[in-house]
């Protein structure tokens, strides 16, 4: 996954639609949270086993929501001047140190 390319494509969509005015860090964080809630809703009331064996339509829906979340997080990183690859790698290394591998 080329995060730079994805971010550039997102910026092209944003700029074409004049959405930058709405893409404050606050708004992007809230939008990512809303998309996460939509992902959680797919699993609401399912058993553990059911959550691991989603029907094809629900699995596709979950994938769409995951995509939405990642794209909003890419935009958030861009607005904050964060390198998503670097922050994810840093957090993973921290988890490896803390919890072992």
N, C-alpha and C. Protein backbone atom coordinates (compact mmCIF):
# COMPACT_ATOMS: atom_id res chain seq x y z
N UNK A 1 0.85 -1.17 0.00
CA UNK A 1 0.00 0.00 0.00
C UNK A 1 0.90 1.23 0.00
N UNK A 2 0.76 2.05 -1.01
CA UNK A 2 1.55 3.27 -1.13
C UNK A 2 0.74 4.41 -0.51
N UNK A 3 1.09 4.77 0.72
CA UNK A 3 0.33 5.78 1.44
C UNK A 3 0.44 7.16 0.81
N UNK A 4 1.58 7.47 0.20
CA UNK A 4 1.74 8.77 -0.45
C UNK A 4 0.79 8.86 -1.63
N UNK A 5 0.73 7.81 -2.45
CA UNK A 5 -0.17 7.81 -3.60
C UNK A 5 -1.63 7.91 -3.16
N UNK A 6 -1.99 7.14 -2.13
CA UNK A 6 -3.37 7.19 -1.64
C UNK A 6 -3.73 8.58 -1.14
N UNK A 7 -2.81 9.20 -0.41
CA UNK A 7 -3.06 10.55 0.11
C UNK A 7 -3.20 11.55 -1.03
N UNK A 8 -2.36 11.42 -2.05
CA UNK A 8 -2.46 12.32 -3.20
C UNK A 8 -3.81 12.16 -3.89
N UNK A 9 -4.26 10.93 -4.04
CA UNK A 9 -5.56 10.69 -4.67
C UNK A 9 -6.70 11.27 -3.82
N UNK A 10 -6.59 11.11 -2.51
CA UNK A 10 -7.57 11.71 -1.60
C UNK A 10 -7.59 13.22 -1.72
N UNK A 11 -6.41 13.82 -1.77
CA UNK A 11 -6.32 15.27 -1.91
C UNK A 11 -6.95 15.73 -3.22
N UNK A 12 -6.79 14.95 -4.28
CA UNK A 12 -7.39 15.31 -5.57
C UNK A 12 -8.91 15.33 -5.45
N UNK A 13 -9.48 14.33 -4.79
CA UNK A 13 -10.94 14.29 -4.59
C UNK A 13 -11.37 15.46 -3.72
N UNK A 14 -10.64 15.67 -2.62
CA UNK A 14 -10.95 16.77 -1.71
C UNK A 14 -10.92 18.11 -2.43
N UNK A 15 -9.87 18.34 -3.20
CA UNK A 15 -9.72 19.62 -3.86
C UNK A 15 -10.75 19.81 -4.97
N UNK A 16 -11.04 18.75 -5.71
CA UNK A 16 -12.04 18.82 -6.78
C UNK A 16 -13.40 19.22 -6.23
N UNK A 17 -13.72 18.76 -5.02
CA UNK A 17 -15.02 19.02 -4.40
C UNK A 17 -15.01 20.19 -3.42
N UNK A 18 -13.86 20.86 -3.30
CA UNK A 18 -13.72 22.00 -2.39
C UNK A 18 -14.09 21.62 -0.95
N UNK A 19 -13.59 20.47 -0.52
CA UNK A 19 -13.89 19.97 0.83
C UNK A 19 -12.82 20.34 1.86
N UNK A 20 -11.72 20.92 1.44
CA UNK A 20 -10.64 21.19 2.40
C UNK A 20 -11.13 22.05 3.56
N UNK A 21 -12.06 22.95 3.27
CA UNK A 21 -12.60 23.82 4.31
C UNK A 21 -13.24 23.02 5.45
N UNK A 22 -13.65 21.81 5.17
CA UNK A 22 -14.30 20.96 6.18
C UNK A 22 -13.33 19.97 6.83
N UNK A 23 -12.09 19.90 6.33
CA UNK A 23 -11.16 18.87 6.76
C UNK A 23 -10.22 19.34 7.86
N UNK A 24 -10.78 19.94 8.88
CA UNK A 24 -9.96 20.27 10.05
C UNK A 24 -9.64 18.96 10.78
N UNK A 25 -8.57 18.95 11.57
CA UNK A 25 -8.28 17.74 12.34
C UNK A 25 -9.47 17.29 13.20
N UNK A 26 -10.16 18.23 13.80
CA UNK A 26 -11.33 17.89 14.63
C UNK A 26 -12.39 17.17 13.80
N UNK A 27 -12.72 17.74 12.65
CA UNK A 27 -13.76 17.13 11.81
C UNK A 27 -13.34 15.76 11.28
N UNK A 28 -12.08 15.63 10.89
CA UNK A 28 -11.62 14.34 10.37
C UNK A 28 -11.60 13.28 11.46
N UNK A 29 -11.21 13.65 12.68
CA UNK A 29 -11.24 12.69 13.79
C UNK A 29 -12.67 12.26 14.08
N UNK A 30 -13.59 13.21 14.05
CA UNK A 30 -15.00 12.87 14.30
C UNK A 30 -15.53 11.99 13.18
N UNK A 31 -15.18 12.28 11.93
CA UNK A 31 -15.65 11.47 10.81
C UNK A 31 -15.12 10.04 10.92
N UNK A 32 -13.84 9.89 11.30
CA UNK A 32 -13.29 8.54 11.48
C UNK A 32 -14.03 7.81 12.59
N UNK A 33 -14.38 8.52 13.65
CA UNK A 33 -15.13 7.92 14.76
C UNK A 33 -16.51 7.46 14.31
N UNK A 34 -17.17 8.25 13.48
CA UNK A 34 -18.49 7.88 12.97
C UNK A 34 -18.38 6.62 12.11
N UNK A 35 -17.35 6.57 11.27
CA UNK A 35 -17.16 5.37 10.44
C UNK A 35 -16.85 4.15 11.30
N UNK A 36 -16.10 4.35 12.38
CA UNK A 36 -15.83 3.24 13.30
C UNK A 36 -17.12 2.74 13.93
N UNK A 37 -18.00 3.67 14.28
CA UNK A 37 -19.29 3.28 14.85
C UNK A 37 -20.10 2.48 13.83
N UNK A 38 -20.00 2.84 12.56
CA UNK A 38 -20.70 2.08 11.52
C UNK A 38 -20.11 0.67 11.40
N UNK A 39 -18.81 0.54 11.58
CA UNK A 39 -18.18 -0.79 11.58
C UNK A 39 -18.65 -1.60 12.79
N UNK A 40 -18.67 -0.97 13.94
CA UNK A 40 -19.11 -1.65 15.17
C UNK A 40 -20.55 -2.13 15.02
N UNK A 41 -21.38 -1.33 14.37
CA UNK A 41 -22.79 -1.69 14.19
C UNK A 41 -22.96 -3.01 13.45
N UNK A 42 -22.06 -3.32 12.53
CA UNK A 42 -22.14 -4.58 11.80
C UNK A 42 -22.04 -5.77 12.76
N UNK A 43 -21.24 -5.62 13.80
CA UNK A 43 -21.00 -6.72 14.74
C UNK A 43 -21.92 -6.70 15.96
N UNK A 44 -22.68 -5.63 16.09
CA UNK A 44 -23.56 -5.52 17.25
C UNK A 44 -24.51 -6.72 17.30
N UNK A 45 -24.61 -7.32 18.45
CA UNK A 45 -25.52 -8.43 18.76
C UNK A 45 -25.08 -9.76 18.18
N UNK A 46 -23.95 -9.82 17.50
CA UNK A 46 -23.45 -11.10 17.01
C UNK A 46 -22.70 -11.81 18.12
N UNK A 47 -22.69 -13.13 18.06
CA UNK A 47 -21.85 -13.90 18.97
C UNK A 47 -20.39 -13.80 18.48
N UNK A 48 -19.48 -14.25 19.30
CA UNK A 48 -18.07 -14.26 18.89
C UNK A 48 -17.90 -15.08 17.60
N UNK A 49 -18.52 -16.26 17.56
CA UNK A 49 -18.40 -17.11 16.37
C UNK A 49 -19.01 -16.45 15.15
N UNK A 50 -20.17 -15.84 15.30
CA UNK A 50 -20.81 -15.16 14.17
C UNK A 50 -19.94 -14.01 13.65
N UNK A 51 -19.26 -13.33 14.57
CA UNK A 51 -18.42 -12.20 14.15
C UNK A 51 -17.22 -12.66 13.34
N UNK A 52 -16.85 -13.92 13.49
CA UNK A 52 -15.72 -14.49 12.74
C UNK A 52 -16.16 -15.12 11.42
N UNK A 53 -17.46 -15.24 11.21
CA UNK A 53 -17.98 -15.90 10.00
C UNK A 53 -19.07 -15.04 9.37
N UNK A 54 -18.72 -13.83 9.02
CA UNK A 54 -19.70 -12.92 8.43
C UNK A 54 -20.14 -13.42 7.06
N UNK A 55 -21.42 -13.29 6.76
CA UNK A 55 -21.87 -13.57 5.40
C UNK A 55 -21.20 -12.60 4.43
N UNK A 56 -21.15 -12.96 3.16
CA UNK A 56 -20.42 -12.17 2.16
C UNK A 56 -20.85 -10.71 2.13
N UNK A 57 -22.15 -10.44 2.24
CA UNK A 57 -22.62 -9.06 2.16
C UNK A 57 -22.15 -8.24 3.36
N UNK A 58 -22.17 -8.85 4.54
CA UNK A 58 -21.72 -8.12 5.74
C UNK A 58 -20.19 -7.96 5.73
N UNK A 59 -19.50 -8.95 5.20
CA UNK A 59 -18.04 -8.85 5.10
C UNK A 59 -17.66 -7.72 4.14
N UNK A 60 -18.37 -7.62 3.03
CA UNK A 60 -18.11 -6.52 2.08
C UNK A 60 -18.41 -5.18 2.74
N UNK A 61 -19.50 -5.10 3.49
CA UNK A 61 -19.85 -3.86 4.19
C UNK A 61 -18.76 -3.50 5.19
N UNK A 62 -18.27 -4.49 5.94
CA UNK A 62 -17.19 -4.25 6.90
C UNK A 62 -15.95 -3.71 6.18
N UNK A 63 -15.65 -4.28 5.03
CA UNK A 63 -14.50 -3.80 4.26
C UNK A 63 -14.66 -2.36 3.83
N UNK A 64 -15.87 -1.96 3.43
CA UNK A 64 -16.14 -0.58 3.05
C UNK A 64 -15.90 0.36 4.24
N UNK A 65 -16.37 -0.05 5.41
CA UNK A 65 -16.20 0.80 6.59
C UNK A 65 -14.73 0.90 6.99
N UNK A 66 -14.00 -0.21 6.92
CA UNK A 66 -12.56 -0.18 7.21
C UNK A 66 -11.86 0.78 6.25
N UNK A 67 -12.24 0.71 4.97
CA UNK A 67 -11.66 1.62 3.99
C UNK A 67 -11.94 3.07 4.33
N UNK A 68 -13.18 3.36 4.72
CA UNK A 68 -13.53 4.73 5.12
C UNK A 68 -12.67 5.21 6.27
N UNK A 69 -12.50 4.35 7.27
CA UNK A 69 -11.72 4.71 8.46
C UNK A 69 -10.28 5.01 8.07
N UNK A 70 -9.67 4.15 7.29
CA UNK A 70 -8.28 4.34 6.88
C UNK A 70 -8.12 5.63 6.08
N UNK A 71 -9.05 5.89 5.17
CA UNK A 71 -8.94 7.10 4.36
C UNK A 71 -9.07 8.36 5.21
N UNK A 72 -9.99 8.35 6.16
CA UNK A 72 -10.09 9.51 7.06
C UNK A 72 -8.82 9.67 7.89
N UNK A 73 -8.23 8.56 8.33
CA UNK A 73 -7.00 8.66 9.11
C UNK A 73 -5.84 9.17 8.27
N UNK A 74 -5.81 8.79 6.98
CA UNK A 74 -4.78 9.33 6.09
C UNK A 74 -4.94 10.85 5.95
N UNK A 75 -6.17 11.29 5.78
CA UNK A 75 -6.41 12.74 5.68
C UNK A 75 -6.05 13.45 6.98
N UNK A 76 -6.36 12.82 8.11
CA UNK A 76 -6.02 13.40 9.41
C UNK A 76 -4.51 13.54 9.56
N UNK A 77 -3.79 12.49 9.22
CA UNK A 77 -2.33 12.56 9.30
C UNK A 77 -1.79 13.68 8.42
N UNK A 78 -2.35 13.80 7.24
CA UNK A 78 -1.92 14.85 6.32
C UNK A 78 -2.15 16.23 6.93
N UNK A 79 -3.32 16.44 7.49
CA UNK A 79 -3.63 17.75 8.09
C UNK A 79 -2.75 18.06 9.29
N UNK A 80 -2.36 17.03 10.03
CA UNK A 80 -1.52 17.23 11.22
C UNK A 80 -0.03 17.22 10.90
N UNK A 81 0.31 16.88 9.66
CA UNK A 81 1.73 16.79 9.30
C UNK A 81 2.40 15.55 9.84
N UNK A 82 1.61 14.51 10.06
CA UNK A 82 2.15 13.24 10.55
C UNK A 82 2.39 12.29 9.38
N UNK A 83 3.44 11.51 9.46
CA UNK A 83 3.73 10.47 8.48
C UNK A 83 3.09 9.18 9.01
N UNK A 84 1.99 8.75 8.38
CA UNK A 84 1.27 7.58 8.90
C UNK A 84 2.18 6.36 8.99
N UNK A 85 3.00 6.12 7.98
CA UNK A 85 3.90 4.98 8.01
C UNK A 85 4.80 5.04 9.24
N UNK A 86 5.34 6.22 9.50
CA UNK A 86 6.26 6.38 10.64
C UNK A 86 5.54 6.20 11.97
N UNK A 87 4.34 6.77 12.11
CA UNK A 87 3.66 6.67 13.41
C UNK A 87 3.18 5.24 13.65
N UNK A 88 2.77 4.54 12.60
CA UNK A 88 2.33 3.15 12.77
C UNK A 88 3.52 2.26 13.11
N UNK A 89 4.63 2.45 12.41
CA UNK A 89 5.82 1.65 12.71
C UNK A 89 6.34 1.92 14.12
N UNK A 90 6.29 3.18 14.53
CA UNK A 90 6.73 3.54 15.88
C UNK A 90 5.85 2.87 16.93
N UNK A 91 4.55 2.91 16.71
CA UNK A 91 3.62 2.29 17.67
C UNK A 91 3.80 0.79 17.70
N UNK A 92 4.01 0.17 16.54
CA UNK A 92 4.23 -1.28 16.49
C UNK A 92 5.51 -1.65 17.23
N UNK A 93 6.57 -0.89 17.02
CA UNK A 93 7.82 -1.16 17.72
C UNK A 93 7.63 -1.01 19.22
N UNK A 94 6.88 -0.02 19.64
CA UNK A 94 6.59 0.18 21.06
C UNK A 94 5.83 -1.02 21.62
N UNK A 95 4.85 -1.50 20.88
CA UNK A 95 4.08 -2.68 21.32
C UNK A 95 4.96 -3.91 21.41
N UNK A 96 5.86 -4.07 20.45
CA UNK A 96 6.79 -5.21 20.49
C UNK A 96 7.67 -5.14 21.73
N UNK A 97 8.16 -3.96 22.05
CA UNK A 97 8.99 -3.79 23.26
C UNK A 97 8.20 -4.10 24.52
N UNK A 98 6.98 -3.58 24.57
CA UNK A 98 6.17 -3.71 25.78
C UNK A 98 5.57 -5.10 25.97
N UNK A 99 5.18 -5.72 24.88
CA UNK A 99 4.42 -6.97 24.99
C UNK A 99 5.13 -8.18 24.41
N UNK A 100 6.31 -7.96 23.88
CA UNK A 100 7.10 -9.08 23.35
C UNK A 100 6.64 -9.52 21.98
N UNK A 101 7.51 -10.25 21.38
CA UNK A 101 7.21 -10.76 20.04
C UNK A 101 7.77 -12.14 19.93
